[in-house]
PDB file of N, CA and C in Angstrom:
ATOM      1  N   MET A   1     -13.561 -43.614  11.556  1.00  0.00           N
ATOM      2  CA  MET A   1     -13.554 -44.958  12.101  1.00  0.00           C
ATOM      3  C   MET A   1     -12.901 -45.899  11.103  1.00  0.00           C
ATOM      4  N   SER A   2     -12.379 -46.950  11.633  1.00  0.00           N
ATOM      5  CA  SER A   2     -11.746 -47.943  10.764  1.00  0.00           C
ATOM      6  C   SER A   2     -12.785 -48.950  10.283  1.00  0.00           C
ATOM      7  N   ARG A   3     -12.315 -49.927   9.556  1.00  0.00           N
ATOM      8  CA  ARG A   3     -13.231 -50.910   8.987  1.00  0.00           C
ATOM      9  C   ARG A   3     -13.847 -51.812  10.055  1.00  0.00           C
ATOM     10  N   LYS A   4     -14.906 -52.491   9.696  1.00  0.00           N
ATOM     11  CA  LYS A   4     -15.592 -53.417  10.579  1.00  0.00           C
ATOM     12  C   LYS A   4     -14.620 -54.504  11.053  1.00  0.00           C
ATOM     13  N   GLY A   5     -14.623 -54.738  12.353  1.00  0.00           N
ATOM     14  CA  GLY A   5     -13.783 -55.775  12.914  1.00  0.00           C
ATOM     15  C   GLY A   5     -12.431 -55.301  13.414  1.00  0.00           C
ATOM     16  N   ASP A   6     -12.064 -54.054  13.138  1.00  0.00           N
ATOM     17  CA  ASP A   6     -10.793 -53.543  13.645  1.00  0.00           C
ATOM     18  C   ASP A   6     -10.915 -53.265  15.136  1.00  0.00           C
ATOM     19  N   CYS A   7      -9.904 -53.622  15.869  1.00  0.00           N
ATOM     20  CA  CYS A   7      -9.980 -53.532  17.329  1.00  0.00           C
ATOM     21  C   CYS A   7      -9.907 -52.104  17.849  1.00  0.00           C
ATOM     22  N   TRP A   8      -9.519 -51.122  17.037  1.00  0.00           N
ATOM     23  CA  TRP A   8      -9.357 -49.755  17.520  1.00  0.00           C
ATOM     24  C   TRP A   8     -10.662 -48.978  17.565  1.00  0.00           C
ATOM     25  N   ASP A   9     -11.740 -49.521  17.036  1.00  0.00           N
ATOM     26  CA  ASP A   9     -13.013 -48.814  17.020  1.00  0.00           C
ATOM     27  C   ASP A   9     -13.505 -48.464  18.418  1.00  0.00           C
ATOM     28  N   ASN A  10     -13.375 -49.389  19.343  1.00  0.00           N
ATOM     29  CA  ASN A  10     -13.955 -49.218  20.671  1.00  0.00           C
ATOM     30  C   ASN A  10     -12.913 -48.998  21.756  1.00  0.00           C
ATOM     31  N   ALA A  11     -11.705 -48.642  21.409  1.00  0.00           N
ATOM     32  CA  ALA A  11     -10.625 -48.546  22.387  1.00  0.00           C
ATOM     33  C   ALA A  11     -10.935 -47.544  23.498  1.00  0.00           C
ATOM     34  N   VAL A  12     -11.475 -46.395  23.157  1.00  0.00           N
ATOM     35  CA  VAL A  12     -11.761 -45.364  24.165  1.00  0.00           C
ATOM     36  C   VAL A  12     -12.848 -45.838  25.115  1.00  0.00           C
ATOM     37  N   VAL A  13     -13.898 -46.404  24.580  1.00  0.00           N
ATOM     38  CA  VAL A  13     -15.010 -46.882  25.416  1.00  0.00           C
ATOM     39  C   VAL A  13     -14.559 -48.053  26.272  1.00  0.00           C
ATOM     40  N   GLU A  14     -13.782 -48.972  25.696  1.00  0.00           N
ATOM     41  CA  GLU A  14     -13.301 -50.109  26.471  1.00  0.00           C
ATOM     42  C   GLU A  14     -12.386 -49.654  27.599  1.00  0.00           C
ATOM     43  N   SER A  15     -11.590 -48.639  27.364  1.00  0.00           N
ATOM     44  CA  SER A  15     -10.730 -48.088  28.413  1.00  0.00           C
ATOM     45  C   SER A  15     -11.568 -47.492  29.538  1.00  0.00           C
ATOM     46  N   PHE A  16     -12.615 -46.734  29.183  1.00  0.00           N
ATOM     47  CA  PHE A  16     -13.481 -46.151  30.196  1.00  0.00           C
ATOM     48  C   PHE A  16     -14.162 -47.236  31.028  1.00  0.00           C
ATOM     49  N   PHE A  17     -14.741 -48.229  30.367  1.00  0.00           N
ATOM     50  CA  PHE A  17     -15.430 -49.285  31.107  1.00  0.00           C
ATOM     51  C   PHE A  17     -14.468 -50.099  31.955  1.00  0.00           C
ATOM     52  N   GLY A  18     -13.245 -50.272  31.502  1.00  0.00           N
ATOM     53  CA  GLY A  18     -12.238 -50.937  32.323  1.00  0.00           C
ATOM     54  C   GLY A  18     -11.958 -50.151  33.593  1.00  0.00           C
ATOM     55  N   SER A  19     -11.833 -48.831  33.460  1.00  0.00           N
ATOM     56  CA  SER A  19     -11.623 -47.976  34.633  1.00  0.00           C
ATOM     57  C   SER A  19     -12.827 -48.021  35.562  1.00  0.00           C
ATOM     58  N   LEU A  20     -14.007 -47.931  34.993  1.00  0.00           N
ATOM     59  CA  LEU A  20     -15.230 -47.967  35.791  1.00  0.00           C
ATOM     60  C   LEU A  20     -15.322 -49.256  36.587  1.00  0.00           C
ATOM     61  N   LYS A  21     -15.078 -50.371  35.936  1.00  0.00           N
ATOM     62  CA  LYS A  21     -15.192 -51.662  36.617  1.00  0.00           C
ATOM     63  C   LYS A  21     -14.124 -51.843  37.680  1.00  0.00           C
ATOM     64  N   SER A  22     -12.886 -51.469  37.386  1.00  0.00           N
ATOM     65  CA  SER A  22     -11.818 -51.706  38.356  1.00  0.00           C
ATOM     66  C   SER A  22     -11.806 -50.682  39.484  1.00  0.00           C
ATOM     67  N   GLU A  23     -12.188 -49.444  39.211  1.00  0.00           N
ATOM     68  CA  GLU A  23     -12.124 -48.397  40.222  1.00  0.00           C
ATOM     69  C   GLU A  23     -13.397 -48.274  41.046  1.00  0.00           C
ATOM     70  N   ARG A  24     -14.517 -48.732  40.527  1.00  0.00           N
ATOM     71  CA  ARG A  24     -15.773 -48.480  41.231  1.00  0.00           C
ATOM     72  C   ARG A  24     -16.627 -49.712  41.461  1.00  0.00           C
ATOM     73  N   MET A  25     -16.805 -50.528  40.454  1.00  0.00           N
ATOM     74  CA  MET A  25     -17.816 -51.571  40.536  1.00  0.00           C
ATOM     75  C   MET A  25     -17.297 -52.925  41.012  1.00  0.00           C
ATOM     76  N   HIS A  26     -15.996 -53.118  41.047  1.00  0.00           N
ATOM     77  CA  HIS A  26     -15.442 -54.443  41.304  1.00  0.00           C
ATOM     78  C   HIS A  26     -15.910 -55.052  42.622  1.00  0.00           C
ATOM     79  N   TRP A  27     -15.934 -54.278  43.666  1.00  0.00           N
ATOM     80  CA  TRP A  27     -16.316 -54.807  44.989  1.00  0.00           C
ATOM     81  C   TRP A  27     -17.720 -54.401  45.415  1.00  0.00           C
ATOM     82  N   GLN A  28     -18.497 -53.815  44.533  1.00  0.00           N
ATOM     83  CA  GLN A  28     -19.847 -53.356  44.859  1.00  0.00           C
ATOM     84  C   GLN A  28     -20.881 -54.457  44.626  1.00  0.00           C
ATOM     85  N   SER A  29     -21.896 -54.425  45.437  1.00  0.00           N
ATOM     86  CA  SER A  29     -23.051 -55.295  45.237  1.00  0.00           C
ATOM     87  C   SER A  29     -24.285 -54.401  45.313  1.00  0.00           C
ATOM     88  N   TYR A  30     -24.967 -54.255  44.200  1.00  0.00           N
ATOM     89  CA  TYR A  30     -26.101 -53.347  44.118  1.00  0.00           C
ATOM     90  C   TYR A  30     -27.397 -54.114  44.343  1.00  0.00           C
ATOM     91  N   GLN A  31     -28.300 -53.515  45.080  1.00  0.00           N
ATOM     92  CA  GLN A  31     -29.595 -54.131  45.360  1.00  0.00           C
ATOM     93  C   GLN A  31     -30.558 -53.979  44.187  1.00  0.00           C
ATOM     94  N   THR A  32     -30.495 -52.829  43.532  1.00  0.00           N
ATOM     95  CA  THR A  32     -31.398 -52.564  42.407  1.00  0.00           C
ATOM     96  C   THR A  32     -30.613 -51.919  41.263  1.00  0.00           C
ATOM     97  N   ARG A  33     -31.228 -51.901  40.092  1.00  0.00           N
ATOM     98  CA  ARG A  33     -30.608 -51.220  38.954  1.00  0.00           C
ATOM     99  C   ARG A  33     -30.491 -49.723  39.210  1.00  0.00           C
ATOM    100  N   ASP A  34     -31.474 -49.160  39.911  1.00  0.00           N
ATOM    101  CA  ASP A  34     -31.412 -47.730  40.220  1.00  0.00           C
ATOM    102  C   ASP A  34     -30.227 -47.415  41.120  1.00  0.00           C
ATOM    103  N   ASP A  35     -29.926 -48.291  42.082  1.00  0.00           N
ATOM    104  CA  ASP A  35     -28.746 -48.097  42.929  1.00  0.00           C
ATOM    105  C   ASP A  35     -27.476 -48.123  42.089  1.00  0.00           C
ATOM    106  N   ALA A  36     -27.390 -49.074  41.174  1.00  0.00           N
ATOM    107  CA  ALA A  36     -26.220 -49.171  40.293  1.00  0.00           C
ATOM    108  C   ALA A  36     -26.115 -47.938  39.401  1.00  0.00           C
ATOM    109  N   ARG A  37     -27.230 -47.532  38.820  1.00  0.00           N
ATOM    110  CA  ARG A  37     -27.243 -46.364  37.935  1.00  0.00           C
ATOM    111  C   ARG A  37     -26.785 -45.118  38.681  1.00  0.00           C
ATOM    112  N   GLN A  38     -27.287 -44.895  39.880  1.00  0.00           N
ATOM    113  CA  GLN A  38     -26.926 -43.711  40.652  1.00  0.00           C
ATOM    114  C   GLN A  38     -25.444 -43.739  41.038  1.00  0.00           C
ATOM    115  N   ASP A  39     -24.935 -44.896  41.403  1.00  0.00           N
ATOM    116  CA  ASP A  39     -23.525 -45.010  41.771  1.00  0.00           C
ATOM    117  C   ASP A  39     -22.616 -44.739  40.574  1.00  0.00           C
ATOM    118  N   ILE A  40     -23.002 -45.221  39.410  1.00  0.00           N
ATOM    119  CA  ILE A  40     -22.207 -44.991  38.204  1.00  0.00           C
ATOM    120  C   ILE A  40     -22.242 -43.521  37.810  1.00  0.00           C
ATOM    121  N   ILE A  41     -23.389 -42.891  37.922  1.00  0.00           N
ATOM    122  CA  ILE A  41     -23.493 -41.449  37.638  1.00  0.00           C
ATOM    123  C   ILE A  41     -22.623 -40.661  38.602  1.00  0.00           C
ATOM    124  N   ASP A  42     -22.666 -41.019  39.880  1.00  0.00           N
ATOM    125  CA  ASP A  42     -21.816 -40.346  40.865  1.00  0.00           C
ATOM    126  C   ASP A  42     -20.340 -40.517  40.529  1.00  0.00           C
ATOM    127  N   TYR A  43     -19.962 -41.714  40.104  1.00  0.00           N
ATOM    128  CA  TYR A  43     -18.570 -41.967  39.729  1.00  0.00           C
ATOM    129  C   TYR A  43     -18.148 -41.060  38.569  1.00  0.00           C
ATOM    130  N   ILE A  44     -18.980 -40.979  37.556  1.00  0.00           N
ATOM    131  CA  ILE A  44     -18.631 -40.189  36.375  1.00  0.00           C
ATOM    132  C   ILE A  44     -18.569 -38.699  36.711  1.00  0.00           C
ATOM    133  N   VAL A  45     -19.588 -38.198  37.396  1.00  0.00           N
ATOM    134  CA  VAL A  45     -19.681 -36.756  37.665  1.00  0.00           C
ATOM    135  C   VAL A  45     -18.737 -36.326  38.778  1.00  0.00           C
ATOM    136  N   MET A  46     -18.719 -37.094  39.866  1.00  0.00           N
ATOM    137  CA  MET A  46     -17.986 -36.664  41.051  1.00  0.00           C
ATOM    138  C   MET A  46     -16.507 -37.071  41.052  1.00  0.00           C
ATOM    139  N   PHE A  47     -16.136 -38.098  40.305  1.00  0.00           N
ATOM    140  CA  PHE A  47     -14.736 -38.527  40.319  1.00  0.00           C
ATOM    141  C   PHE A  47     -14.092 -38.502  38.942  1.00  0.00           C
ATOM    142  N   TYR A  48     -14.648 -39.205  37.984  1.00  0.00           N
ATOM    143  CA  TYR A  48     -13.996 -39.396  36.689  1.00  0.00           C
ATOM    144  C   TYR A  48     -13.769 -38.068  35.973  1.00  0.00           C
ATOM    145  N   ASN A  49     -14.752 -37.197  35.950  1.00  0.00           N
ATOM    146  CA  ASN A  49     -14.615 -35.919  35.246  1.00  0.00           C
ATOM    147  C   ASN A  49     -13.984 -34.828  36.090  1.00  0.00           C
ATOM    148  N   SER A  50     -14.057 -34.929  37.408  1.00  0.00           N
ATOM    149  CA  SER A  50     -13.591 -33.812  38.218  1.00  0.00           C
ATOM    150  C   SER A  50     -12.267 -34.054  38.941  1.00  0.00           C
ATOM    151  N   HIS A  51     -11.908 -35.306  39.226  1.00  0.00           N
ATOM    152  CA  HIS A  51     -10.694 -35.559  39.999  1.00  0.00           C
ATOM    153  C   HIS A  51      -9.696 -36.485  39.316  1.00  0.00           C
ATOM    154  N   ARG A  52     -10.178 -37.438  38.560  1.00  0.00           N
ATOM    155  CA  ARG A  52      -9.281 -38.437  37.973  1.00  0.00           C
ATOM    156  C   ARG A  52      -8.415 -37.791  36.901  1.00  0.00           C
ATOM    157  N   LEU A  53      -7.105 -38.023  36.998  1.00  0.00           N
ATOM    158  CA  LEU A  53      -6.168 -37.441  36.053  1.00  0.00           C
ATOM    159  C   LEU A  53      -6.093 -38.311  34.807  1.00  0.00           C
ATOM    160  N   HIS A  54      -6.059 -37.674  33.647  1.00  0.00           N
ATOM    161  CA  HIS A  54      -6.023 -38.366  32.368  1.00  0.00           C
ATOM    162  C   HIS A  54      -4.703 -38.034  31.672  1.00  0.00           C
ATOM    163  N   SER A  55      -3.951 -39.047  31.314  1.00  0.00           N
ATOM    164  CA  SER A  55      -2.650 -38.809  30.690  1.00  0.00           C
ATOM    165  C   SER A  55      -2.791 -38.101  29.345  1.00  0.00           C
ATOM    166  N   TYR A  56      -3.864 -38.367  28.628  1.00  0.00           N
ATOM    167  CA  TYR A  56      -4.083 -37.724  27.333  1.00  0.00           C
ATOM    168  C   TYR A  56      -4.282 -36.213  27.477  1.00  0.00           C
ATOM    169  N   LEU A  57      -4.724 -35.776  28.640  1.00  0.00           N
ATOM    170  CA  LEU A  57      -4.977 -34.356  28.891  1.00  0.00           C
ATOM    171  C   LEU A  57      -3.857 -33.732  29.712  1.00  0.00           C
ATOM    172  N   ASP A  58      -2.643 -34.209  29.531  1.00  0.00           N
ATOM    173  CA  ASP A  58      -1.476 -33.706  30.274  1.00  0.00           C
ATOM    174  C   ASP A  58      -1.674 -33.841  31.780  1.00  0.00           C
ATOM    175  N   CYS A  59      -2.169 -34.980  32.195  1.00  0.00           N
ATOM    176  CA  CYS A  59      -2.389 -35.312  33.615  1.00  0.00           C
ATOM    177  C   CYS A  59      -3.273 -34.295  34.328  1.00  0.00           C
ATOM    178  N   GLN A  60      -4.360 -33.942  33.672  1.00  0.00           N
ATOM    179  CA  GLN A  60      -5.377 -33.072  34.259  1.00  0.00           C
ATOM    180  C   GLN A  60      -6.711 -33.804  34.214  1.00  0.00           C
ATOM    181  N   SER A  61      -7.616 -33.376  35.060  1.00  0.00           N
ATOM    182  CA  SER A  61      -8.972 -33.905  34.969  1.00  0.00           C
ATOM    183  C   SER A  61      -9.680 -33.227  33.794  1.00  0.00           C
ATOM    184  N   PRO A  62     -10.699 -33.860  33.230  1.00  0.00           N
ATOM    185  CA  PRO A  62     -11.429 -33.209  32.133  1.00  0.00           C
ATOM    186  C   PRO A  62     -12.008 -31.843  32.519  1.00  0.00           C
ATOM    187  N   ASP A  63     -12.508 -31.720  33.743  1.00  0.00           N
ATOM    188  CA  ASP A  63     -13.053 -30.428  34.175  1.00  0.00           C
ATOM    189  C   ASP A  63     -11.977 -29.349  34.192  1.00  0.00           C
ATOM    190  N   ASP A  64     -10.800 -29.673  34.749  1.00  0.00           N
ATOM    191  CA  ASP A  64      -9.708 -28.700  34.782  1.00  0.00           C
ATOM    192  C   ASP A  64      -9.226 -28.360  33.380  1.00  0.00           C
ATOM    193  N   PHE A  65      -9.186 -29.360  32.517  1.00  0.00           N
ATOM    194  CA  PHE A  65      -8.760 -29.151  31.140  1.00  0.00           C
ATOM    195  C   PHE A  65      -9.674 -28.161  30.434  1.00  0.00           C
ATOM    196  N   GLU A  66     -10.974 -28.307  30.630  1.00  0.00           N
ATOM    197  CA  GLU A  66     -11.940 -27.384  30.015  1.00  0.00           C
ATOM    198  C   GLU A  66     -11.836 -25.994  30.636  1.00  0.00           C
ATOM    199  N   LYS A  67     -11.650 -25.917  31.972  1.00  0.00           N
ATOM    200  CA  LYS A  67     -11.541 -24.627  32.634  1.00  0.00           C
ATOM    201  C   LYS A  67     -10.325 -23.848  32.149  1.00  0.00           C
ATOM    202  N   ASN A  68      -9.256 -24.551  31.818  1.00  0.00           N
ATOM    203  CA  ASN A  68      -8.038 -23.893  31.349  1.00  0.00           C
ATOM    204  C   ASN A  68      -8.120 -23.488  29.886  1.00  0.00           C
ATOM    205  N   GLY A  69      -9.228 -23.795  29.227  1.00  0.00           N
ATOM    206  CA  GLY A  69      -9.421 -23.382  27.851  1.00  0.00           C
ATOM    207  C   GLY A  69      -8.545 -24.115  26.859  1.00  0.00           C
ATOM    208  N   GLN A  70      -8.141 -25.322  27.184  1.00  0.00           N
ATOM    209  CA  GLN A  70      -7.251 -26.065  26.308  1.00  0.00           C
ATOM    210  C   GLN A  70      -8.010 -26.965  25.334  1.00  0.00           C
ATOM    211  N   LEU A  71      -9.305 -26.907  25.344  1.00  0.00           N
ATOM    212  CA  LEU A  71     -10.106 -27.776  24.499  1.00  0.00           C
ATOM    213  C   LEU A  71      -9.827 -27.556  23.023  1.00  0.00           C
ATOM    214  N   ALA A  72      -9.555 -26.343  22.625  1.00  0.00           N
ATOM    215  CA  ALA A  72      -9.312 -26.039  21.214  1.00  0.00           C
ATOM    216  C   ALA A  72      -7.977 -26.603  20.729  1.00  0.00           C
ATOM    217  N   ASN A  73      -7.050 -26.881  21.645  1.00  0.00           N
ATOM    218  CA  ASN A  73      -5.734 -27.380  21.258  1.00  0.00           C
ATOM    219  C   ASN A  73      -5.713 -28.877  20.988  1.00  0.00           C
ATOM    220  N   VAL A  74      -6.757 -29.594  21.371  1.00  0.00           N
ATOM    221  CA  VAL A  74      -6.795 -31.034  21.190  1.00  0.00           C
ATOM    222  C   VAL A  74      -7.522 -31.354  19.896  1.00  0.00           C
ATOM    223  N   ALA A  75      -6.908 -32.146  19.062  1.00  0.00           N
ATOM    224  CA  ALA A  75      -7.577 -32.613  17.837  1.00  0.00           C
ATOM    225  C   ALA A  75      -6.609 -33.333  16.953  1.00  0.00           C
TER     226      ALA A  75
END
């Protein structure tokens, strides 16, 4: 990690939350926190990890990337 106050510390997390907000939560209105929690879990498990293509992973989903055994090549 870089020093305190450097903007690159949270880049990955900020990118994920940006995707979450724009792709899933922007037009949603949740009645309870449990409804919001379940919808976010569904987004992560059912879409983000299994279908959404990631440019860092050669335009593959994380699930496909792991299935192809390419995890050892990233670092």
